[in-house]
N, C-alpha and C. Protein backbone atom coordinates (compact mmCIF):
# COMPACT_ATOMS: atom_id res chain seq x y z
N MET A 1 -11.42 298.57 -28.00
CA MET A 1 -10.87 297.10 -28.32
C MET A 1 -11.66 296.48 -29.16
N SER A 2 -11.29 296.20 -30.39
CA SER A 2 -12.11 295.38 -31.43
C SER A 2 -11.81 294.17 -31.70
N ARG A 3 -10.52 293.62 -31.11
CA ARG A 3 -9.95 292.14 -31.34
C ARG A 3 -10.78 291.28 -30.18
N PRO A 4 -10.86 290.06 -30.42
CA PRO A 4 -11.13 289.26 -29.24
C PRO A 4 -10.25 289.08 -27.98
N PHE A 5 -10.94 289.04 -27.00
CA PHE A 5 -10.27 288.60 -25.69
C PHE A 5 -9.28 287.50 -25.85
N ALA A 6 -8.38 287.17 -25.30
CA ALA A 6 -7.31 286.13 -25.30
C ALA A 6 -8.34 284.82 -24.62
N ASN A 7 -8.77 285.20 -23.54
CA ASN A 7 -9.59 284.17 -22.93
C ASN A 7 -10.32 284.91 -21.78
N ARG A 8 -11.09 284.09 -20.67
CA ARG A 8 -11.98 284.83 -19.83
C ARG A 8 -10.93 285.46 -18.91
N ALA A 9 -9.86 284.87 -18.64
CA ALA A 9 -9.16 285.88 -17.58
C ALA A 9 -8.59 287.16 -17.96
N GLU A 10 -8.12 287.38 -19.33
CA GLU A 10 -7.99 288.63 -20.00
C GLU A 10 -9.21 289.51 -19.65
N ALA A 11 -10.42 288.84 -20.41
CA ALA A 11 -11.75 289.35 -20.36
C ALA A 11 -11.94 290.27 -19.01
N GLY A 12 -11.80 289.64 -17.80
CA GLY A 12 -12.00 289.67 -16.31
C GLY A 12 -11.25 290.71 -16.28
N ARG A 13 -9.96 290.82 -16.61
CA ARG A 13 -8.86 292.04 -16.17
C ARG A 13 -9.29 293.41 -16.74
N VAL A 14 -9.84 293.27 -18.11
CA VAL A 14 -10.27 294.47 -19.12
C VAL A 14 -11.64 294.95 -18.22
N LEU A 15 -12.53 293.95 -17.98
CA LEU A 15 -13.84 294.41 -17.33
C LEU A 15 -13.34 295.10 -15.90
N ALA A 16 -12.49 294.66 -15.24
CA ALA A 16 -12.20 295.45 -13.84
C ALA A 16 -11.98 296.83 -14.24
N GLU A 17 -11.43 297.20 -15.18
CA GLU A 17 -10.93 298.48 -15.45
C GLU A 17 -11.89 299.71 -15.54
N GLY A 18 -13.30 299.06 -16.05
CA GLY A 18 -14.48 299.80 -15.75
C GLY A 18 -15.07 299.68 -14.62
N LEU A 19 -14.88 299.22 -13.46
CA LEU A 19 -15.41 298.97 -12.24
C LEU A 19 -14.55 299.64 -10.99
N THR A 20 -13.58 300.29 -11.46
CA THR A 20 -12.82 300.90 -10.16
C THR A 20 -13.24 301.54 -9.09
N ALA A 21 -14.76 302.28 -9.56
CA ALA A 21 -15.31 302.88 -8.48
C ALA A 21 -15.93 302.02 -7.34
N TYR A 22 -15.80 300.87 -7.57
CA TYR A 22 -16.31 299.75 -6.49
C TYR A 22 -15.20 299.18 -5.66
N ALA A 23 -13.83 299.42 -5.94
CA ALA A 23 -12.56 298.87 -5.44
C ALA A 23 -12.57 299.01 -3.93
N GLY A 24 -12.60 297.97 -3.10
CA GLY A 24 -12.23 297.79 -1.73
C GLY A 24 -13.40 298.50 -0.89
N ARG A 25 -14.68 298.34 -1.52
CA ARG A 25 -15.78 298.68 -0.94
C ARG A 25 -16.47 297.75 0.15
N ALA A 26 -16.56 298.06 1.45
CA ALA A 26 -17.00 296.91 2.34
C ALA A 26 -18.32 296.50 2.04
N ASP A 27 -19.10 297.42 1.33
CA ASP A 27 -20.65 296.90 1.20
C ASP A 27 -20.78 296.23 -0.35
N ALA A 28 -19.66 295.87 -1.03
CA ALA A 28 -19.77 295.28 -2.40
C ALA A 28 -19.27 294.05 -2.19
N ILE A 29 -19.97 293.13 -3.44
CA ILE A 29 -19.47 291.76 -3.48
C ILE A 29 -19.76 291.47 -4.91
N VAL A 30 -18.73 290.61 -5.48
CA VAL A 30 -18.74 290.11 -6.96
C VAL A 30 -19.58 288.69 -6.90
N LEU A 31 -20.54 288.79 -7.70
CA LEU A 31 -21.38 287.40 -7.94
C LEU A 31 -21.00 286.78 -9.45
N ALA A 32 -20.81 285.82 -9.79
CA ALA A 32 -20.36 285.05 -10.87
C ALA A 32 -21.71 284.11 -11.19
N LEU A 33 -22.12 284.18 -12.59
CA LEU A 33 -22.97 283.36 -13.03
C LEU A 33 -22.03 282.13 -13.49
N PRO A 34 -22.26 280.91 -12.98
CA PRO A 34 -21.54 279.80 -13.25
C PRO A 34 -21.96 279.19 -14.73
N ARG A 35 -21.19 278.44 -15.44
CA ARG A 35 -19.72 278.31 -15.06
C ARG A 35 -18.87 279.50 -15.92
N GLY A 36 -19.23 279.63 -16.96
CA GLY A 36 -18.38 280.67 -17.77
C GLY A 36 -17.97 282.14 -17.14
N GLY A 37 -19.04 282.53 -16.23
CA GLY A 37 -18.89 283.95 -15.70
C GLY A 37 -17.55 283.81 -14.48
N VAL A 38 -17.42 282.75 -14.06
CA VAL A 38 -16.47 282.54 -12.88
C VAL A 38 -14.80 282.98 -13.07
N PRO A 39 -14.30 282.56 -14.18
CA PRO A 39 -12.94 282.92 -14.33
C PRO A 39 -13.11 284.45 -14.80
N VAL A 40 -14.05 285.08 -15.34
CA VAL A 40 -14.06 286.57 -15.49
C VAL A 40 -14.17 287.14 -14.30
N ALA A 41 -15.27 286.80 -13.47
CA ALA A 41 -15.40 287.30 -11.98
C ALA A 41 -14.09 287.12 -11.19
N PHE A 42 -13.55 286.37 -11.36
CA PHE A 42 -12.28 285.85 -10.33
C PHE A 42 -11.25 287.05 -10.61
N GLU A 43 -11.05 287.44 -11.61
CA GLU A 43 -10.08 288.55 -12.05
C GLU A 43 -10.71 290.00 -11.69
N VAL A 44 -12.24 289.92 -11.89
CA VAL A 44 -12.70 291.35 -11.51
C VAL A 44 -12.48 291.33 -9.85
N ALA A 45 -12.88 290.18 -9.15
CA ALA A 45 -12.82 290.35 -7.60
C ALA A 45 -11.30 290.49 -7.10
N GLN A 46 -10.38 289.91 -7.88
CA GLN A 46 -8.88 290.09 -7.37
C GLN A 46 -8.41 291.55 -7.73
N ALA A 47 -8.93 292.07 -8.76
CA ALA A 47 -8.41 293.64 -8.93
C ALA A 47 -9.32 294.44 -8.06
N LEU A 48 -10.38 294.32 -7.80
CA LEU A 48 -11.08 295.18 -6.88
C LEU A 48 -10.97 295.07 -5.42
N ARG A 49 -10.35 293.97 -5.21
CA ARG A 49 -10.13 293.52 -3.59
C ARG A 49 -11.41 292.98 -3.10
N LEU A 50 -12.44 292.52 -3.86
CA LEU A 50 -13.72 292.15 -3.20
C LEU A 50 -14.08 290.74 -3.19
N PRO A 51 -14.94 290.46 -2.02
CA PRO A 51 -15.11 288.98 -2.07
C PRO A 51 -15.88 288.50 -3.35
N LEU A 52 -15.66 287.20 -3.62
CA LEU A 52 -16.25 286.44 -4.88
C LEU A 52 -17.29 285.36 -4.36
N ASP A 53 -18.60 285.23 -4.85
CA ASP A 53 -19.21 284.13 -4.81
C ASP A 53 -20.21 283.84 -5.98
N VAL A 54 -20.87 282.90 -6.04
CA VAL A 54 -21.64 282.40 -7.16
C VAL A 54 -23.04 282.74 -6.95
N PHE A 55 -23.87 283.11 -8.07
CA PHE A 55 -25.21 283.26 -7.92
C PHE A 55 -25.73 282.24 -9.15
N LEU A 56 -26.34 281.21 -8.71
CA LEU A 56 -26.70 280.23 -9.32
C LEU A 56 -28.25 280.65 -10.03
N VAL A 57 -28.47 280.56 -11.11
CA VAL A 57 -29.84 280.74 -11.69
C VAL A 57 -30.21 279.73 -12.89
N ARG A 58 -31.24 279.26 -12.78
CA ARG A 58 -31.72 278.31 -13.95
C ARG A 58 -32.99 278.76 -14.51
N LYS A 59 -33.20 279.25 -15.78
CA LYS A 59 -34.26 279.51 -16.49
C LYS A 59 -35.30 278.40 -16.51
N LEU A 60 -36.61 278.91 -16.51
CA LEU A 60 -37.69 277.87 -16.47
C LEU A 60 -38.19 277.82 -17.77
N GLY A 61 -37.86 277.07 -18.75
CA GLY A 61 -38.22 277.26 -20.27
C GLY A 61 -39.52 276.67 -20.37
N VAL A 62 -40.33 277.29 -21.20
CA VAL A 62 -41.78 276.97 -21.72
C VAL A 62 -41.74 275.37 -22.19
N PRO A 63 -42.34 274.61 -21.72
CA PRO A 63 -42.41 273.17 -22.41
C PRO A 63 -42.34 273.34 -23.79
N ASP A 64 -41.79 272.62 -24.72
CA ASP A 64 -41.50 272.35 -26.00
C ASP A 64 -41.02 273.74 -26.81
N GLN A 65 -40.78 274.75 -25.86
CA GLN A 65 -40.10 276.06 -26.25
C GLN A 65 -38.97 276.54 -25.34
N GLU A 66 -38.01 275.61 -25.31
CA GLU A 66 -37.06 275.67 -23.83
C GLU A 66 -36.44 277.18 -23.90
N GLU A 67 -36.32 277.74 -25.14
CA GLU A 67 -35.66 279.02 -25.05
C GLU A 67 -36.23 280.15 -24.66
N LEU A 68 -37.56 279.88 -24.52
CA LEU A 68 -38.46 280.84 -24.20
C LEU A 68 -38.68 280.84 -22.56
N ALA A 69 -38.32 281.87 -21.86
CA ALA A 69 -38.11 281.49 -20.32
C ALA A 69 -39.40 282.20 -19.55
N MET A 70 -40.33 281.38 -19.02
CA MET A 70 -41.40 281.72 -18.29
C MET A 70 -41.26 281.96 -16.82
N GLY A 71 -39.74 282.07 -16.40
CA GLY A 71 -39.42 282.40 -15.27
C GLY A 71 -37.93 281.99 -14.81
N ALA A 72 -37.65 281.85 -13.60
CA ALA A 72 -36.28 281.33 -12.87
C ALA A 72 -36.42 281.01 -11.67
N VAL A 73 -35.56 280.00 -11.32
CA VAL A 73 -35.07 279.53 -9.82
C VAL A 73 -33.70 280.17 -9.82
N ALA A 74 -33.27 280.71 -8.50
CA ALA A 74 -32.24 281.07 -8.31
C ALA A 74 -31.46 280.59 -6.75
N SER A 75 -30.30 281.12 -6.40
CA SER A 75 -29.69 280.71 -5.20
C SER A 75 -30.81 281.52 -4.26
N GLY A 76 -30.70 281.09 -3.07
CA GLY A 76 -31.56 281.49 -1.82
C GLY A 76 -32.89 281.21 -2.18
N ASP A 77 -33.35 280.15 -2.87
CA ASP A 77 -34.83 279.84 -2.94
C ASP A 77 -35.84 280.70 -3.44
N VAL A 78 -35.02 281.51 -4.49
CA VAL A 78 -35.96 282.49 -5.12
C VAL A 78 -36.56 281.98 -6.37
N LEU A 79 -37.65 282.08 -6.61
CA LEU A 79 -38.73 281.70 -7.74
C LEU A 79 -39.07 283.03 -8.13
N VAL A 80 -39.12 283.08 -9.55
CA VAL A 80 -39.86 284.09 -10.35
C VAL A 80 -40.52 283.55 -11.39
N ILE A 81 -41.91 284.01 -11.52
CA ILE A 81 -42.79 283.29 -12.51
C ILE A 81 -43.34 284.53 -13.27
N ASN A 82 -43.22 284.31 -14.86
CA ASN A 82 -43.98 285.51 -15.49
C ASN A 82 -45.60 284.96 -15.66
N ASP A 83 -46.47 285.12 -14.82
CA ASP A 83 -47.61 284.72 -14.73
C ASP A 83 -48.52 285.21 -15.79
N GLU A 84 -48.23 286.27 -16.45
CA GLU A 84 -48.88 286.80 -17.87
C GLU A 84 -48.34 285.96 -18.97
N LEU A 85 -47.25 285.52 -18.99
CA LEU A 85 -46.85 284.80 -20.21
C LEU A 85 -47.48 283.21 -19.86
N VAL A 86 -47.24 282.57 -18.73
CA VAL A 86 -47.92 281.21 -18.42
C VAL A 86 -49.38 281.12 -18.86
N ARG A 87 -50.09 282.49 -18.43
CA ARG A 87 -51.44 282.38 -18.84
C ARG A 87 -51.77 282.69 -20.47
N SER A 88 -51.04 283.30 -21.11
CA SER A 88 -51.18 283.76 -22.47
C SER A 88 -51.02 282.44 -23.32
N LEU A 89 -49.95 281.66 -22.71
CA LEU A 89 -49.69 280.33 -23.36
C LEU A 89 -50.43 279.14 -22.98
N ARG A 90 -51.20 279.66 -21.89
CA ARG A 90 -52.21 278.43 -21.27
C ARG A 90 -51.20 276.97 -20.95
N VAL A 91 -50.12 277.31 -20.40
CA VAL A 91 -49.29 276.28 -19.87
C VAL A 91 -49.76 276.01 -18.64
N PRO A 92 -50.37 274.49 -18.66
CA PRO A 92 -50.90 273.76 -17.36
C PRO A 92 -50.03 273.84 -16.19
N ARG A 93 -50.60 274.19 -15.18
CA ARG A 93 -50.14 274.34 -13.57
C ARG A 93 -49.20 273.14 -13.59
N ASP A 94 -49.78 271.96 -13.72
CA ASP A 94 -48.84 270.54 -13.49
C ASP A 94 -47.55 270.69 -14.30
N GLU A 95 -47.61 271.27 -15.48
CA GLU A 95 -46.34 271.23 -16.36
C GLU A 95 -45.41 272.25 -15.71
N VAL A 96 -45.91 273.50 -15.23
CA VAL A 96 -44.93 274.60 -14.71
C VAL A 96 -44.30 273.97 -13.41
N GLU A 97 -45.08 273.32 -12.74
CA GLU A 97 -44.56 272.65 -11.49
C GLU A 97 -43.37 271.72 -11.79
N ALA A 98 -43.90 271.11 -12.78
CA ALA A 98 -42.56 269.89 -13.34
C ALA A 98 -41.44 270.56 -13.72
N VAL A 99 -41.53 271.58 -14.42
CA VAL A 99 -40.25 272.31 -14.90
C VAL A 99 -39.47 272.95 -13.71
N ILE A 100 -40.40 273.55 -12.67
CA ILE A 100 -39.67 274.20 -11.59
C ILE A 100 -39.12 273.11 -10.67
N LEU A 101 -39.52 271.96 -10.58
CA LEU A 101 -38.98 270.93 -9.72
C LEU A 101 -37.75 270.51 -10.32
N ARG A 102 -37.65 270.27 -11.96
CA ARG A 102 -36.64 269.78 -12.31
C ARG A 102 -35.25 270.76 -12.49
N GLU A 103 -35.67 272.04 -12.63
CA GLU A 103 -34.62 273.16 -12.44
C GLU A 103 -34.06 273.27 -10.98
N ARG A 104 -35.11 273.24 -10.02
CA ARG A 104 -34.44 273.33 -8.71
C ARG A 104 -33.64 272.02 -8.22
N GLN A 105 -33.96 270.91 -8.78
CA GLN A 105 -33.00 269.83 -8.50
C GLN A 105 -31.56 270.06 -9.22
N GLU A 106 -31.64 270.58 -10.29
CA GLU A 106 -30.18 270.76 -10.94
C GLU A 106 -29.63 271.90 -10.23
N LEU A 107 -30.40 273.00 -9.91
CA LEU A 107 -29.67 274.13 -9.05
C LEU A 107 -29.19 273.51 -7.82
N HIS A 108 -30.01 272.75 -7.03
CA HIS A 108 -29.37 272.30 -5.89
C HIS A 108 -28.09 271.28 -5.98
N ARG A 109 -28.32 270.74 -6.96
CA ARG A 109 -27.00 269.78 -7.34
C ARG A 109 -25.63 270.76 -7.61
N ARG A 110 -25.94 271.64 -8.30
CA ARG A 110 -24.86 272.51 -8.63
C ARG A 110 -24.44 273.43 -7.14
N GLU A 111 -25.34 273.70 -6.41
CA GLU A 111 -25.13 274.51 -5.24
C GLU A 111 -24.19 273.56 -4.18
N GLN A 112 -24.57 272.08 -4.25
CA GLN A 112 -23.64 271.36 -3.62
C GLN A 112 -22.37 271.15 -3.99
N VAL A 113 -22.26 271.04 -5.31
CA VAL A 113 -20.87 271.07 -6.01
C VAL A 113 -20.02 272.28 -5.69
N TYR A 114 -20.55 273.37 -5.90
CA TYR A 114 -19.87 274.59 -5.82
C TYR A 114 -19.78 275.07 -4.17
N ARG A 115 -20.79 274.96 -3.43
CA ARG A 115 -20.83 275.31 -2.08
C ARG A 115 -20.42 274.38 -0.92
N ALA A 116 -20.56 273.07 -1.26
CA ALA A 116 -20.33 272.11 -0.45
C ALA A 116 -20.61 272.45 1.05
N GLY A 117 -21.99 272.83 1.11
CA GLY A 117 -22.51 273.07 2.28
C GLY A 117 -22.50 274.55 2.80
N ARG A 118 -21.70 275.30 2.28
CA ARG A 118 -21.56 276.71 2.57
C ARG A 118 -22.92 277.39 2.46
N PRO A 119 -23.38 278.50 3.13
CA PRO A 119 -24.40 278.96 2.83
C PRO A 119 -24.26 280.23 1.78
N SER A 120 -25.44 280.53 1.39
CA SER A 120 -25.40 281.63 0.23
C SER A 120 -25.04 282.94 1.17
N PRO A 121 -24.49 284.00 0.44
CA PRO A 121 -24.20 285.15 1.09
C PRO A 121 -25.42 285.94 1.41
N ASP A 122 -25.32 286.90 2.47
CA ASP A 122 -26.33 287.67 2.66
C ASP A 122 -26.27 289.03 1.84
N LEU A 123 -27.15 289.39 1.05
CA LEU A 123 -27.01 290.40 -0.02
C LEU A 123 -27.77 291.55 0.26
N LYS A 124 -28.49 291.38 1.28
CA LYS A 124 -29.25 292.75 1.93
C LYS A 124 -28.42 293.78 2.07
N ALA A 125 -29.03 295.11 1.21
CA ALA A 125 -28.15 296.39 1.49
C ALA A 125 -26.79 296.28 0.69
N LYS A 126 -26.54 295.44 0.23
CA LYS A 126 -25.25 295.10 -0.63
C LYS A 126 -25.33 295.56 -2.30
N THR A 127 -24.13 296.18 -2.43
CA THR A 127 -23.78 296.35 -3.88
C THR A 127 -23.29 295.26 -4.52
N VAL A 128 -24.22 294.65 -5.58
CA VAL A 128 -24.05 293.11 -6.23
C VAL A 128 -23.27 293.62 -7.46
N ILE A 129 -22.14 292.99 -7.75
CA ILE A 129 -21.60 293.19 -9.15
C ILE A 129 -21.88 291.82 -9.68
N LEU A 130 -22.71 291.77 -10.64
CA LEU A 130 -23.35 290.29 -11.18
C LEU A 130 -22.41 290.28 -12.70
N VAL A 131 -21.81 289.27 -12.73
CA VAL A 131 -20.83 288.94 -13.64
C VAL A 131 -20.99 287.77 -14.55
N ASP A 132 -20.94 288.00 -15.99
CA ASP A 132 -21.03 286.88 -16.85
C ASP A 132 -20.01 286.97 -17.72
N ASP A 133 -19.72 285.85 -18.67
CA ASP A 133 -18.67 286.07 -19.87
C ASP A 133 -19.15 286.90 -20.99
N GLY A 134 -20.43 287.19 -20.99
CA GLY A 134 -20.93 287.94 -22.12
C GLY A 134 -22.48 287.92 -22.12
N LEU A 135 -23.16 288.80 -23.23
CA LEU A 135 -24.56 288.81 -23.14
C LEU A 135 -24.94 288.77 -24.49
N ALA A 136 -25.65 287.60 -24.85
CA ALA A 136 -26.25 287.62 -26.33
C ALA A 136 -27.60 288.09 -26.36
N THR A 137 -28.55 287.02 -25.97
CA THR A 137 -29.94 287.51 -26.03
C THR A 137 -30.15 288.11 -24.58
N GLY A 138 -29.35 287.73 -23.52
CA GLY A 138 -29.50 288.38 -22.25
C GLY A 138 -30.54 287.54 -21.49
N SER A 139 -31.24 286.76 -21.62
CA SER A 139 -32.45 285.92 -21.19
C SER A 139 -31.93 285.39 -19.63
N THR A 140 -30.91 284.93 -19.60
CA THR A 140 -30.22 284.27 -18.34
C THR A 140 -30.23 285.55 -17.42
N MET A 141 -29.25 286.32 -17.92
CA MET A 141 -29.00 287.71 -16.99
C MET A 141 -30.29 288.39 -16.51
N ARG A 142 -31.34 288.38 -17.21
CA ARG A 142 -32.41 289.11 -17.03
C ARG A 142 -33.19 288.33 -15.64
N ALA A 143 -33.20 286.98 -16.17
CA ALA A 143 -33.74 286.18 -15.09
C ALA A 143 -32.96 286.32 -13.62
N ALA A 144 -31.60 286.28 -13.90
CA ALA A 144 -30.81 286.48 -12.70
C ALA A 144 -31.09 287.68 -11.78
N VAL A 145 -31.18 288.99 -12.69
CA VAL A 145 -31.37 290.39 -12.15
C VAL A 145 -32.71 290.10 -11.34
N ARG A 146 -33.87 289.56 -12.03
CA ARG A 146 -35.10 289.82 -11.19
C ARG A 146 -34.90 288.85 -9.98
N ALA A 147 -34.43 287.68 -10.06
CA ALA A 147 -34.44 286.81 -9.12
C ALA A 147 -33.58 287.49 -7.79
N LEU A 148 -32.35 288.12 -8.42
CA LEU A 148 -31.48 289.03 -7.29
C LEU A 148 -32.27 289.96 -6.50
N ARG A 149 -33.33 290.62 -7.20
CA ARG A 149 -33.98 291.81 -6.38
C ARG A 149 -34.77 291.12 -5.31
N GLY A 150 -35.14 289.77 -5.42
CA GLY A 150 -35.79 289.51 -4.36
C GLY A 150 -35.09 289.31 -2.93
N LEU A 151 -33.88 289.34 -3.15
CA LEU A 151 -32.78 289.14 -1.93
C LEU A 151 -32.42 290.39 -1.50
N GLY A 152 -32.88 291.61 -1.80
CA GLY A 152 -32.83 292.86 -1.12
C GLY A 152 -31.57 293.46 -1.20
N PRO A 153 -31.04 293.40 -2.41
CA PRO A 153 -29.50 294.30 -2.65
C PRO A 153 -29.80 295.71 -2.73
N ALA A 154 -28.84 296.69 -2.17
CA ALA A 154 -29.07 298.01 -2.56
C ALA A 154 -29.01 298.43 -3.84
N ARG A 155 -27.96 297.71 -4.53
CA ARG A 155 -27.77 298.32 -5.74
C ARG A 155 -27.34 296.80 -6.85
N ILE A 156 -27.65 296.71 -8.09
CA ILE A 156 -27.11 295.58 -8.89
C ILE A 156 -26.56 296.29 -10.13
N VAL A 157 -25.05 295.72 -10.15
CA VAL A 157 -24.20 296.14 -11.48
C VAL A 157 -24.23 294.97 -12.07
N VAL A 158 -24.65 294.84 -13.28
CA VAL A 158 -24.16 293.95 -14.18
C VAL A 158 -23.17 294.21 -15.05
N ALA A 159 -22.34 293.39 -15.19
CA ALA A 159 -20.98 293.61 -15.55
C ALA A 159 -20.45 292.40 -16.51
N VAL A 160 -20.26 292.81 -17.76
CA VAL A 160 -19.89 291.50 -18.85
C VAL A 160 -18.56 292.22 -19.84
N PRO A 161 -17.71 291.31 -20.11
CA PRO A 161 -16.75 291.90 -21.33
C PRO A 161 -17.33 292.16 -22.54
N THR A 162 -18.29 291.39 -22.84
CA THR A 162 -18.84 291.71 -24.34
C THR A 162 -20.17 291.61 -24.47
N ALA A 163 -20.98 292.12 -25.19
CA ALA A 163 -22.48 291.91 -25.34
C ALA A 163 -23.01 292.68 -26.52
N ALA A 164 -24.04 292.05 -26.99
CA ALA A 164 -24.73 292.72 -28.40
C ALA A 164 -25.09 293.93 -27.88
N PRO A 165 -24.94 294.86 -28.70
CA PRO A 165 -25.53 296.30 -28.12
C PRO A 165 -26.68 296.51 -27.92
N ALA A 166 -27.58 295.94 -28.62
CA ALA A 166 -29.00 296.13 -28.09
C ALA A 166 -29.40 295.46 -26.64
N THR A 167 -28.81 294.26 -26.44
CA THR A 167 -28.98 293.57 -25.17
C THR A 167 -28.36 294.48 -23.96
N CYS A 168 -27.20 295.07 -24.20
CA CYS A 168 -26.62 295.94 -23.22
C CYS A 168 -27.44 296.84 -22.81
N GLU A 169 -28.24 297.55 -23.69
CA GLU A 169 -29.04 298.49 -23.42
C GLU A 169 -30.31 298.21 -22.87
N GLU A 170 -30.82 296.78 -23.17
CA GLU A 170 -31.83 296.44 -22.26
C GLU A 170 -31.65 296.12 -20.99
N ILE A 171 -30.40 295.50 -20.62
CA ILE A 171 -30.03 295.25 -19.21
C ILE A 171 -29.89 296.54 -18.60
N ARG A 172 -29.41 297.61 -19.24
CA ARG A 172 -29.35 298.94 -18.51
C ARG A 172 -30.77 299.37 -17.79
N LEU A 173 -31.68 299.24 -18.57
CA LEU A 173 -32.96 299.41 -18.14
C LEU A 173 -33.59 298.78 -16.90
N LEU A 174 -33.02 297.28 -16.54
CA LEU A 174 -33.54 296.34 -15.69
C LEU A 174 -32.43 296.43 -14.34
N ALA A 175 -31.22 296.54 -14.47
CA ALA A 175 -30.32 296.82 -13.59
C ALA A 175 -30.08 298.26 -13.31
N ASP A 176 -29.22 298.41 -12.04
CA ASP A 176 -28.98 299.76 -11.47
C ASP A 176 -27.81 300.57 -12.47
N GLN A 177 -26.84 299.43 -13.07
CA GLN A 177 -25.77 299.93 -13.86
C GLN A 177 -25.41 298.59 -14.65
N CYS A 178 -25.28 299.08 -15.88
CA CYS A 178 -24.71 297.89 -16.78
C CYS A 178 -23.28 298.35 -17.43
N VAL A 179 -22.34 297.60 -16.99
CA VAL A 179 -21.09 297.77 -17.70
C VAL A 179 -20.59 296.64 -18.85
N CYS A 180 -20.59 297.15 -19.90
CA CYS A 180 -20.09 296.29 -21.14
C CYS A 180 -18.82 296.79 -21.68
N SER A 181 -17.69 295.80 -21.62
CA SER A 181 -16.54 296.44 -22.06
C SER A 181 -16.43 296.80 -23.43
N ILE A 182 -16.95 295.81 -24.27
CA ILE A 182 -16.89 295.91 -25.90
C ILE A 182 -18.53 295.66 -26.16
N THR A 183 -18.84 296.28 -27.32
CA THR A 183 -20.28 295.71 -27.71
C THR A 183 -20.32 295.95 -29.25
N PRO A 184 -19.65 294.89 -29.87
CA PRO A 184 -19.30 294.75 -31.35
C PRO A 184 -20.42 294.92 -32.23
N GLU A 185 -20.49 295.19 -33.21
CA GLU A 185 -21.60 295.26 -34.25
C GLU A 185 -21.01 294.79 -35.62
N PRO A 186 -21.41 293.60 -36.24
CA PRO A 186 -22.12 292.62 -36.00
C PRO A 186 -21.72 291.60 -34.63
N PHE A 187 -22.76 291.42 -33.71
CA PHE A 187 -22.28 290.60 -32.69
C PHE A 187 -22.15 289.08 -32.86
N ARG A 188 -23.27 288.79 -33.49
CA ARG A 188 -23.53 286.94 -33.61
C ARG A 188 -23.57 286.22 -32.35
N ALA A 189 -22.29 286.31 -31.63
CA ALA A 189 -22.14 285.18 -30.47
C ALA A 189 -21.10 285.46 -29.63
N VAL A 190 -21.36 285.11 -28.22
CA VAL A 190 -20.37 285.59 -27.50
C VAL A 190 -18.95 284.83 -27.67
N GLY A 191 -18.95 283.66 -27.83
CA GLY A 191 -17.81 283.11 -28.26
C GLY A 191 -16.84 283.40 -29.35
N LEU A 192 -17.41 284.42 -30.35
CA LEU A 192 -16.61 284.86 -31.37
C LEU A 192 -15.62 286.00 -30.72
N TRP A 193 -15.88 286.43 -29.30
CA TRP A 193 -15.18 287.52 -29.14
C TRP A 193 -14.12 286.96 -27.95
N TYR A 194 -13.91 285.61 -28.06
CA TYR A 194 -12.71 285.20 -27.26
C TYR A 194 -11.99 284.25 -28.32
N ASP A 195 -10.72 284.27 -28.10
CA ASP A 195 -9.77 283.36 -28.77
C ASP A 195 -10.03 282.04 -28.20
N ASP A 196 -10.12 281.75 -26.90
CA ASP A 196 -10.16 280.68 -26.18
C ASP A 196 -11.47 280.64 -25.28
N PHE A 197 -12.72 279.88 -25.82
CA PHE A 197 -13.87 280.17 -25.25
C PHE A 197 -14.05 278.38 -24.94
N SER A 198 -13.31 277.90 -24.51
CA SER A 198 -13.32 276.51 -24.00
C SER A 198 -14.37 276.31 -22.87
N GLN A 199 -15.02 275.54 -22.76
CA GLN A 199 -16.17 275.05 -21.61
C GLN A 199 -15.33 275.26 -20.28
N THR A 200 -15.89 275.94 -19.41
CA THR A 200 -15.41 276.03 -17.91
C THR A 200 -16.10 274.70 -17.09
N SER A 201 -15.12 274.06 -16.46
CA SER A 201 -15.41 272.97 -15.75
C SER A 201 -15.82 273.22 -14.34
N ASP A 202 -16.57 272.14 -13.64
CA ASP A 202 -16.99 272.28 -12.45
C ASP A 202 -15.84 272.31 -11.49
N GLU A 203 -14.54 271.61 -11.92
CA GLU A 203 -13.66 271.65 -11.21
C GLU A 203 -12.74 273.03 -11.28
N GLU A 204 -12.81 273.67 -12.43
CA GLU A 204 -12.21 275.05 -12.30
C GLU A 204 -12.89 276.10 -11.58
N VAL A 205 -14.42 276.12 -11.61
CA VAL A 205 -15.17 276.80 -10.65
C VAL A 205 -14.61 276.60 -9.11
N CYS A 206 -14.65 275.32 -8.91
CA CYS A 206 -14.52 275.07 -7.43
C CYS A 206 -12.91 275.52 -7.10
N ASP A 207 -11.76 275.62 -8.09
CA ASP A 207 -10.83 275.80 -7.73
C ASP A 207 -10.28 277.43 -7.64
N LEU A 208 -11.19 278.21 -8.36
CA LEU A 208 -11.05 279.56 -8.33
C LEU A 208 -11.85 279.97 -7.21
N LEU A 209 -12.97 279.22 -6.85
CA LEU A 209 -13.79 279.78 -5.51
C LEU A 209 -12.78 279.54 -4.31
N LYS A 210 -12.11 278.43 -4.26
CA LYS A 210 -11.12 278.17 -3.21
C LYS A 210 -10.19 279.04 -3.17
N ARG A 211 -9.43 279.31 -4.35
CA ARG A 211 -8.30 280.48 -4.29
C ARG A 211 -8.64 281.78 -3.73
N THR A 212 -9.84 282.11 -3.69
CA THR A 212 -10.49 283.37 -3.10
C THR A 212 -10.95 283.07 -1.60
N GLY A 213 -10.76 282.16 -1.14
CA GLY A 213 -11.31 281.89 0.04
C GLY A 213 -12.66 281.63 0.20
N THR A 214 -13.28 281.44 -0.74
CA THR A 214 -14.94 281.52 -0.70
C THR A 214 -15.23 279.98 -0.16
N THR A 215 -14.48 278.93 -0.56
CA THR A 215 -14.82 277.50 -0.03
C THR A 215 -13.91 277.20 0.96
């Protein structure tokens, strides 16, 4: 497929075709990276007859270099810090703590919006299919996989409809499996591979979770 996906829903249906080995498995769960990953993951979960939930992750950007991740905070009170990077850049500890506090507050805000008090799922010994709407640099997905490892899943499967070829290969080395439906070259940006790449709202996320019985 070389044409863009019509929207995230179509992308999710196409993505599900590459994940049929996990259909109906009692030990598997689909986790979406909000917000854009949720409409994709909804279609995957429906097609595979699997439960759907969200996995919230916030990159910890280096002060004054926000795109450079020095770690991440994620659902389940997971904290991952790249100590070697922090030391090499000589980021003061109080600045690291300030970034952690800020991103934890935003993560908890989103948890309240999406979960409304519902606890995070127990992922121990589970096969987790981690879904987003695409991979460009892959920095958020890398942070998510590292954070997810701390929760003890048996297997992490990263699944996206579209990805930069090099990024897809990098994620394959980090996850147990990586499914990228299309890896066009040149890639440039995730949004170029969707006719409709409009922003997913909090309301849409909550609605889709409600439709699966998650909330």
